[in-house]
């Protein structure tokens, strides 16, 4: 479950980061502030990568606790 959440955060963060950077440089106009999109995209992307890298999945934890 944690890995799925992390993957969603990475993909969503990457999309928001790209949209934010394109909005900052003027080639894409959205109704939101491009700086906010870029910052939130970076935060979500880094958080998702961190979750994928350092957290164990709930299935692995349950298996380790049964031993």
Protein backbone atom coordinates (compact mmCIF):
# COMPACT_ATOMS: atom_id res chain seq x y z
CA UNK A 1 0.00 0.00 0.00
CA UNK A 2 2.84 2.39 0.84
CA UNK A 3 4.54 1.65 -2.48
CA UNK A 4 1.34 2.48 -4.38
CA UNK A 5 0.97 5.79 -2.54
CA UNK A 6 4.62 6.60 -3.21
CA UNK A 7 4.24 5.82 -6.90
CA UNK A 8 1.17 8.06 -7.15
CA UNK A 9 3.08 10.85 -5.40
CA UNK A 10 6.05 10.50 -7.76
CA UNK A 11 3.90 10.56 -10.90
CA UNK A 12 1.70 13.42 -9.66
CA UNK A 13 4.71 15.38 -8.48
CA UNK A 14 6.49 14.95 -11.79
CA UNK A 15 3.45 16.14 -13.72
CA UNK A 16 2.97 19.16 -11.44
CA UNK A 17 6.67 19.98 -11.66
CA UNK A 18 6.66 19.91 -15.46
CA UNK A 19 3.48 21.99 -15.68
CA UNK A 20 4.90 24.48 -13.17
CA UNK A 21 8.20 24.88 -14.98
CA UNK A 22 6.45 25.28 -18.33
CA UNK A 23 4.20 27.91 -16.76
CA UNK A 24 7.16 29.78 -15.30
CA UNK A 25 8.84 30.03 -18.70
CA UNK A 26 5.62 31.12 -20.37
CA UNK A 27 4.81 28.31 -22.79
CA UNK A 28 1.85 26.95 -20.78
CA UNK A 29 -0.88 28.93 -19.06
CA UNK A 30 -3.01 27.39 -16.30
CA UNK A 31 -5.39 29.00 -13.85
CA UNK A 32 -2.95 28.39 -11.01
CA UNK A 33 0.28 30.07 -10.06
CA UNK A 34 3.15 28.37 -11.90
CA UNK A 35 5.49 28.91 -8.94
CA UNK A 36 3.08 27.11 -6.62
CA UNK A 37 2.77 24.22 -9.07
CA UNK A 38 6.56 23.92 -9.40
CA UNK A 39 7.13 24.02 -5.63
CA UNK A 40 4.36 21.55 -4.81
CA UNK A 41 5.47 19.29 -7.65
CA UNK A 42 9.01 19.26 -6.30
CA UNK A 43 7.83 18.50 -2.77
CA UNK A 44 5.56 15.65 -3.88
CA UNK A 45 8.19 14.23 -6.23
CA UNK A 46 10.91 14.18 -3.57
CA UNK A 47 8.52 12.79 -0.95
CA UNK A 48 7.44 9.98 -3.25
CA UNK A 49 11.03 9.09 -4.12
CA UNK A 50 11.90 9.06 -0.42
CA UNK A 51 8.98 6.76 0.37
CA UNK A 52 9.96 4.38 -2.42
CA UNK A 53 13.56 4.32 -1.28
CA UNK A 54 13.34 4.01 2.50
CA UNK A 55 9.99 2.48 3.48
CA UNK A 56 9.07 -1.17 3.50
CA UNK A 57 5.73 -2.22 2.10
CA UNK A 58 3.02 -3.37 4.53
CA UNK A 59 3.11 -6.94 3.15
CA UNK A 60 6.83 -7.21 3.93
CA UNK A 61 6.29 -5.91 7.45
CA UNK A 62 3.49 -8.40 8.11
CA UNK A 63 5.68 -11.28 6.87
CA UNK A 64 8.59 -10.21 9.09
CA UNK A 65 6.35 -9.96 12.16
CA UNK A 66 5.00 -13.52 11.68
CA UNK A 67 8.48 -15.07 11.89
